[in-house]
Protein backbone atom coordinates (compact mmCIF):
# COMPACT_ATOMS: atom_id res chain seq x y z
CA MET A 1 -18.78 31.96 -19.15
CA ASN A 2 -16.69 33.07 -21.93
CA ALA A 3 -13.32 31.34 -21.30
CA VAL A 4 -11.84 32.82 -24.65
CA GLY A 5 -9.41 35.45 -24.32
CA GLN A 6 -9.42 35.17 -20.48
CA PRO A 7 -6.54 34.45 -18.13
CA ILE A 8 -7.37 31.88 -16.84
CA SER A 9 -4.98 29.74 -14.51
CA ARG A 10 -4.58 25.96 -14.95
CA ILE A 11 -5.87 24.03 -11.63
CA ASP A 12 -2.56 22.37 -11.73
CA GLY A 13 -0.37 25.33 -12.54
CA ARG A 14 0.53 26.27 -8.88
CA LEU A 15 1.54 23.07 -7.91
CA LYS A 16 3.59 22.25 -10.84
CA VAL A 17 5.28 25.59 -10.36
CA THR A 18 6.03 25.02 -6.72
CA GLY A 19 7.54 21.77 -7.28
CA SER A 20 4.49 20.78 -5.34
CA ALA A 21 3.10 18.50 -7.64
CA ARG A 22 3.41 14.46 -6.80
CA TYR A 23 4.78 12.59 -9.83
CA THR A 24 4.46 9.04 -9.85
CA ALA A 25 8.09 8.69 -8.16
CA ASP A 26 7.83 11.28 -5.89
CA ILE A 27 4.81 9.64 -4.24
CA PRO A 28 5.74 9.03 -0.39
CA LEU A 29 4.76 5.41 1.05
CA GLU A 30 7.28 4.53 4.84
CA THR A 31 7.04 1.00 3.88
CA SER A 32 7.78 0.97 0.11
CA VAL A 33 11.27 -0.65 -1.33
CA HIS A 34 12.73 -0.20 -4.46
CA ALA A 35 13.64 -2.73 -7.36
CA ALA A 36 15.98 -2.80 -10.13
CA ILE A 37 16.11 -4.84 -13.10
CA ALA A 38 19.06 -6.78 -14.74
CA TYR A 39 19.32 -6.69 -18.19
CA SER A 40 20.51 -8.85 -21.11
CA ALA A 41 24.19 -8.63 -22.56
CA ILE A 42 23.11 -10.45 -25.66
CA ALA A 43 20.49 -10.06 -28.40
CA ASN A 44 19.28 -13.06 -29.12
CA GLY A 45 19.56 -16.19 -27.69
CA ARG A 46 18.45 -18.23 -24.35
CA ILE A 47 19.88 -18.27 -20.75
CA VAL A 48 21.97 -21.01 -20.09
CA SER A 49 22.19 -20.50 -16.50
CA ILE A 50 21.84 -17.73 -14.19
CA GLU A 51 23.58 -17.35 -10.29
CA THR A 52 22.09 -15.26 -7.69
CA ALA A 53 23.75 -16.41 -4.62
CA VAL A 54 26.13 -13.29 -4.21
CA THR A 55 23.17 -11.22 -4.81
CA ASP A 56 20.86 -13.13 -2.34
CA HIS A 57 23.36 -12.08 0.67
CA ALA A 58 23.93 -8.62 -0.71
CA PRO A 59 23.34 -5.68 1.60
CA GLY A 60 19.81 -4.37 1.79
CA VAL A 61 18.49 -7.45 -0.72
CA LEU A 62 14.92 -8.93 0.04
CA ALA A 63 14.12 -10.66 -3.01
CA VAL A 64 16.01 -11.61 -6.13
CA LEU A 65 12.92 -12.81 -8.96
CA THR A 66 14.24 -14.82 -12.15
CA HIS A 67 12.56 -16.55 -15.08
CA LYS A 68 13.09 -19.58 -12.28
CA ASN A 69 11.19 -18.58 -9.16
CA MET A 70 8.67 -15.11 -11.22
CA PRO A 71 5.22 -15.78 -10.84
CA ARG A 72 3.77 -17.16 -13.83
CA MET A 73 1.70 -14.50 -16.06
CA ASN A 74 -1.17 -14.98 -18.52
CA GLN A 75 0.14 -15.10 -22.00
CA GLN A 76 -2.28 -12.32 -24.11
CA SER A 77 -2.35 -11.87 -27.95
CA TRP A 78 -2.01 -8.28 -28.82
CA SER A 79 -5.30 -5.98 -29.35
CA HIS A 80 -5.73 -2.40 -29.65
CA LEU A 81 -8.07 -2.60 -27.22
CA ARG A 82 -5.92 -2.64 -24.79
CA PRO A 83 -2.73 -0.63 -24.27
CA GLN A 84 -0.15 -3.15 -24.55
CA GLY A 85 3.07 -2.46 -26.12
CA GLN A 86 4.33 -5.97 -26.51
CA THR A 87 2.83 -9.57 -25.86
CA TYR A 88 5.84 -10.44 -24.41
CA LEU A 89 6.05 -10.83 -20.78
CA PRO A 90 8.99 -10.82 -18.68
CA LEU A 91 10.79 -13.39 -16.27
CA GLN A 92 8.71 -16.12 -17.64
CA ASP A 93 11.29 -18.32 -19.67
CA ASP A 94 14.52 -18.66 -20.91
CA ARG A 95 14.56 -17.21 -23.94
CA ILE A 96 16.18 -13.91 -25.04
CA HIS A 97 14.37 -12.05 -27.56
CA TYR A 98 16.01 -8.81 -27.97
CA ALA A 99 19.16 -6.51 -26.33
CA GLY A 100 18.37 -5.19 -23.23
CA GLN A 101 15.52 -7.98 -22.34
CA PRO A 102 14.95 -8.39 -18.43
CA VAL A 103 17.00 -10.89 -17.26
CA ALA A 104 16.27 -10.68 -13.14
CA LEU A 105 14.44 -8.26 -10.88
CA VAL A 106 15.96 -7.41 -7.89
CA VAL A 107 14.05 -6.38 -4.54
CA ALA A 108 15.94 -4.00 -2.08
CA ALA A 109 15.52 -1.81 0.87
CA THR A 110 16.81 1.28 -1.02
CA LEU A 111 17.42 1.96 -4.76
CA ASP A 112 21.23 2.14 -4.96
CA GLN A 113 21.09 -1.50 -2.97
CA ALA A 114 19.18 -2.74 -5.52
CA THR A 115 20.96 -1.48 -8.43
CA TYR A 116 24.16 -2.60 -7.09
CA ALA A 117 23.12 -6.24 -6.15
CA GLY A 118 22.08 -6.51 -9.51
CA THR A 119 25.35 -6.24 -10.95
CA LEU A 120 26.33 -9.37 -8.93
CA ILE A 121 24.13 -11.43 -10.91
CA LYS A 122 26.07 -14.22 -13.27
CA VAL A 123 24.04 -15.06 -16.36
CA ALA A 124 25.36 -17.33 -19.09
CA TYR A 125 23.97 -17.46 -22.67
CA GLU A 126 23.82 -19.83 -25.35
CA THR A 127 23.83 -16.86 -28.03
CA HIS A 128 22.46 -16.75 -31.60
CA PRO A 129 23.06 -14.14 -34.28
CA PRO A 130 20.84 -11.40 -34.02
CA VAL A 131 18.86 -10.00 -36.93
CA VAL A 132 19.91 -6.57 -37.88
CA PHE A 133 17.89 -4.31 -39.75
CA ASP A 134 19.88 -2.87 -42.62
CA LEU A 135 18.68 0.18 -44.07
CA ARG A 136 20.22 -0.69 -47.52
CA THR A 137 18.39 -3.83 -48.22
CA ALA A 138 14.99 -2.46 -46.04
CA MET A 139 12.66 -2.51 -49.46
CA GLU A 140 13.80 -5.85 -50.86
CA ASP A 141 13.78 -7.51 -47.93
CA ALA A 142 10.67 -5.92 -46.30
CA VAL A 143 7.35 -8.41 -45.67
CA GLU A 144 3.78 -7.37 -44.95
CA PRO A 145 2.84 -8.23 -41.62
CA PRO A 146 -0.39 -8.61 -40.25
CA GLN A 147 -3.17 -5.80 -40.19
CA ARG A 148 -3.18 -4.42 -36.39
CA MET A 149 -4.59 -0.79 -35.95
CA TRP A 150 -5.19 0.01 -39.10
CA PRO A 151 -4.55 -1.04 -43.15
CA LEU A 152 -1.14 -0.68 -43.63
CA SER A 153 -1.41 -0.74 -47.77
CA SER A 154 -3.73 1.19 -49.60
CA SER A 155 -3.95 2.16 -53.33
CA VAL A 156 -5.95 4.29 -55.75
CA GLY A 157 -6.09 3.69 -59.44
CA ASP A 158 -3.23 1.87 -60.71
CA ALA A 159 -0.17 3.74 -59.67
CA ASP A 160 2.71 1.38 -61.70
CA SER A 161 0.90 2.23 -64.55
CA ALA A 162 0.67 5.77 -64.30
CA ILE A 163 4.39 5.92 -63.52
CA ALA A 164 5.39 3.93 -65.94
CA GLY A 165 4.40 5.58 -68.99
CA ALA A 166 5.25 9.24 -67.38
CA SER A 167 6.99 11.74 -68.81
CA VAL A 168 8.63 13.16 -66.09
CA LYS A 169 9.09 11.30 -62.98
CA ILE A 170 10.89 12.77 -59.41
CA GLU A 171 11.84 9.88 -57.14
CA GLN A 172 13.41 10.24 -53.59
CA THR A 173 14.19 8.16 -50.74
CA TYR A 174 14.54 9.20 -47.18
CA THR A 175 15.76 7.90 -44.04
CA MET A 176 14.46 8.74 -40.62
CA SER A 177 16.66 7.80 -37.43
CA ASP A 178 15.03 6.33 -34.19
CA ARG A 179 13.02 9.13 -32.37
CA HIS A 180 13.05 9.09 -28.83
CA HIS A 181 10.23 10.94 -26.87
CA ASN A 182 12.89 11.98 -23.57
CA PRO A 183 9.61 12.92 -21.19
CA MET A 184 11.47 14.74 -18.37
CA GLU A 185 10.20 11.84 -16.07
CA PRO A 186 10.68 8.37 -16.35
CA HIS A 187 8.71 5.62 -16.51
CA ALA A 188 8.10 4.90 -12.99
CA THR A 189 5.64 2.53 -11.30
CA LEU A 190 4.53 1.75 -7.87
CA ALA A 191 2.53 -1.06 -6.46
CA VAL A 192 0.86 -1.49 -3.34
CA TRP A 193 -1.47 -4.70 -2.53
CA ASP A 194 -3.76 -4.53 -0.03
CA GLY A 195 -5.03 -6.87 2.55
CA ASP A 196 -7.89 -8.08 0.49
CA GLY A 197 -6.27 -8.61 -2.58
CA SER A 198 -6.78 -5.72 -4.41
CA LEU A 199 -3.82 -3.72 -6.52
CA THR A 200 -2.73 0.24 -6.52
CA LEU A 201 -0.70 0.90 -9.26
CA TYR A 202 0.70 4.35 -9.18
CA ASP A 203 1.91 4.49 -12.59
CA SER A 204 3.64 6.89 -14.83
CA THR A 205 0.41 6.13 -17.67
CA GLN A 206 -1.41 8.13 -20.47
CA MET A 207 -3.80 5.06 -19.95
CA VAL A 208 -4.71 4.33 -16.87
CA VAL A 209 -8.26 2.67 -18.14
CA GLY A 210 -6.22 0.28 -20.54
CA THR A 211 -3.50 -0.24 -18.27
CA LYS A 212 -6.34 -1.55 -15.14
CA LYS A 213 -7.49 -3.94 -17.98
CA LEU A 214 -4.45 -5.22 -19.27
CA VAL A 215 -2.84 -5.51 -15.72
CA SER A 216 -6.47 -7.71 -14.84
CA LEU A 217 -5.56 -9.86 -17.77
CA VAL A 218 -2.24 -10.89 -17.31
CA LEU A 219 -2.23 -11.27 -13.42
CA GLY A 220 -5.44 -12.89 -13.53
CA ILE A 221 -7.20 -9.93 -11.13
CA PRO A 222 -10.76 -8.85 -11.16
CA GLU A 223 -10.34 -5.57 -12.79
CA GLU A 224 -12.41 -4.07 -10.18
CA LYS A 225 -9.60 -4.87 -7.47
CA ILE A 226 -7.47 -2.47 -9.58
CA ASN A 227 -6.77 0.96 -9.03
CA VAL A 228 -4.49 2.87 -11.53
CA VAL A 229 -3.22 6.17 -10.39
CA CYS A 230 -1.82 8.72 -11.60
CA GLU A 231 -1.78 12.17 -10.48
CA PHE A 232 0.54 13.96 -12.98
CA LEU A 233 2.36 13.13 -16.10
CA GLY A 234 6.03 14.23 -16.66
CA GLY A 235 5.49 13.94 -20.60
CA GLY A 236 4.51 11.34 -22.52
CA PHE A 237 4.36 12.19 -26.14
CA GLY A 238 2.77 8.33 -26.96
CA GLY A 239 5.62 6.43 -24.88
CA LYS A 240 3.39 6.05 -21.86
CA SER A 241 0.14 5.19 -23.62
CA TRP A 242 1.14 1.61 -23.92
CA SER A 243 2.46 -1.04 -20.58
CA TRP A 244 5.38 -1.89 -20.66
CA PRO A 245 7.28 -4.67 -18.48
CA HIS A 246 8.26 -2.68 -15.77
CA THR A 247 4.61 -2.55 -14.69
CA LEU A 248 3.81 -6.08 -14.35
CA LEU A 249 7.43 -6.77 -12.91
CA ALA A 250 6.28 -4.35 -9.72
CA ALA A 251 2.87 -5.59 -9.59
CA LEU A 252 4.57 -9.10 -9.10
CA ALA A 253 7.67 -8.19 -7.09
CA ALA A 254 5.17 -6.18 -4.06
CA LYS A 255 3.52 -9.36 -3.96
CA VAL A 256 6.22 -11.61 -3.31
CA VAL A 257 7.73 -9.59 -0.59
CA ASN A 258 4.15 -7.97 0.41
CA ARG A 259 5.69 -4.46 0.61
CA PRO A 260 5.23 -1.54 -1.90
CA VAL A 261 7.32 -2.02 -4.59
CA ARG A 262 8.50 1.44 -6.37
CA LEU A 263 10.23 0.55 -9.92
CA GLN A 264 11.78 4.09 -12.08
CA LEU A 265 13.58 2.68 -15.17
CA SER A 266 16.96 4.78 -15.99
CA ARG A 267 16.99 7.85 -18.71
CA SER A 268 19.55 5.30 -20.53
CA VAL A 269 17.22 2.47 -20.10
CA ILE A 270 13.85 4.11 -21.55
CA ARG A 271 16.40 4.83 -24.80
CA ARG A 272 17.11 1.29 -25.35
CA GLU A 273 13.66 -0.11 -24.79
CA PRO A 274 11.06 0.12 -26.89
CA PHE A 275 9.56 3.30 -26.05
CA ARG A 276 10.40 4.83 -29.26
CA GLN A 277 9.42 5.70 -32.67
CA LEU A 278 11.65 3.57 -35.07
CA LEU A 279 13.95 3.97 -37.86
CA SER A 280 12.44 3.91 -41.39
CA ALA A 281 13.21 4.39 -45.30
CA ARG A 282 11.08 5.76 -47.49
CA THR A 283 10.73 5.96 -50.99
CA ALA A 284 8.26 8.67 -52.38
CA THR A 285 7.98 9.02 -56.49
CA ALA A 286 5.81 11.67 -58.15
CA THR A 287 5.09 11.80 -61.74
CA CYS A 288 3.09 14.15 -64.69
CA PRO A 289 2.92 12.77 -67.93
CA ALA A 290 3.15 15.04 -70.81
CA SER A 291 -0.72 15.99 -70.94
CA ALA A 292 -0.50 17.39 -67.75
CA MET A 293 -3.80 15.96 -67.15
CA THR A 294 -3.56 13.19 -64.80
CA ALA A 295 -0.79 12.59 -62.02
CA SER A 296 0.05 10.12 -60.10
CA THR A 297 1.99 9.52 -56.40
CA ARG A 298 3.55 6.53 -54.84
CA HIS A 299 4.97 6.43 -51.32
CA ARG A 300 6.63 3.19 -49.77
CA CYS A 301 8.09 3.14 -45.98
CA SER A 302 9.88 0.16 -44.75
CA THR A 303 10.55 0.36 -40.74
CA THR A 304 11.64 -2.05 -38.32
CA THR A 305 9.59 -4.78 -36.63
CA SER A 306 9.89 -7.79 -34.19
CA ASN A 307 11.21 -11.13 -35.67
CA THR A 308 8.56 -12.38 -33.52
CA PRO A 309 5.02 -12.50 -33.15
CA LEU A 310 5.74 -10.69 -29.90
CA TRP A 311 5.70 -6.92 -30.65
CA PRO A 312 2.95 -5.54 -33.22
CA ALA A 313 4.57 -3.78 -35.83
CA ALA A 314 3.56 -0.42 -35.19
CA THR A 315 5.68 -0.46 -31.32
CA CYS A 316 8.37 -2.76 -31.78
CA GLY A 317 11.36 -2.89 -29.90
CA VAL A 318 14.74 -3.74 -31.38
CA PRO A 319 15.56 -3.49 -35.16
CA ALA A 320 15.11 -7.54 -36.18
CA ALA A 321 13.27 -7.68 -39.53
CA ALA A 322 11.82 -4.95 -42.46
CA SER A 323 8.13 -3.86 -42.41
CA PRO A 324 6.96 -2.05 -45.64
CA ARG A 325 3.94 0.70 -45.57
CA ALA A 326 2.82 1.59 -49.22
CA THR A 327 0.42 4.34 -50.01
CA GLU A 328 -0.06 4.50 -53.80
CA SER A 329 -2.44 6.85 -55.97
CA SER A 330 -3.35 7.61 -59.67
CA THR A 331 -5.62 10.75 -60.56
């Protein structure tokens, strides 16, 4: 059958337009409970003390997890073969690397109870000066990061010499602010452990196979005991191609309380966590000599990345250092 030009209905169309489609946070499980993350109030430093006594006894609270009692995870180096948005593993030590970093996870009977209990946690910090990305000095301060998925710089010919000897030169610097994916469906995970030690993750993800591989490595579970399910995706735009800390937190919290745990990020959180394309400054140069027989172009881009090896340059979280990308050609 030739489908071109035919009025073919989408398989999932009726479910979506009638509101019957089940997105990750909508999946009903009678025994499930809710988790909420408490976030750091500083951008750089360490936790000196964290008091959870009041939170422990708040209504509906089943568990309060911090770096002191969170089950240990297996640190992994970054690889493009698995969707690891950041190598930072949450609640494993007292170090604060970025503003809004998770400092605790509260599990309670309802979402409201978990969220409220998180506000009762008292954290004392040793604060260090934050490193802030400055567009005015981005090019001068930029450093070349390690190659990740592709070469960050490329060159054909001698662009510098061609530009220096050109009779006509046009050069302009353009700046671009953060671009947020803003999917209709926020990031969410529902983690369910079975009696045989297998784990089912209902996850709002664009990479079910890669998420399984990453969770297997970080949590030390054979891949055949992990099932990642995403029935419908309410938008992702690349931001859900990577696995982020909330997925790992949900899985371990469910193991601690021995109940299915649902963890959905708020819309304000997904705008400050690393799920975005970051601001950049780009300088483009185009030249033409008097003979008009040859021309040269140069494009240099400086963008934000992490000041620690916790994030790959392509998907870093918070403005911290500068990372250049250059493309040059001379013909």
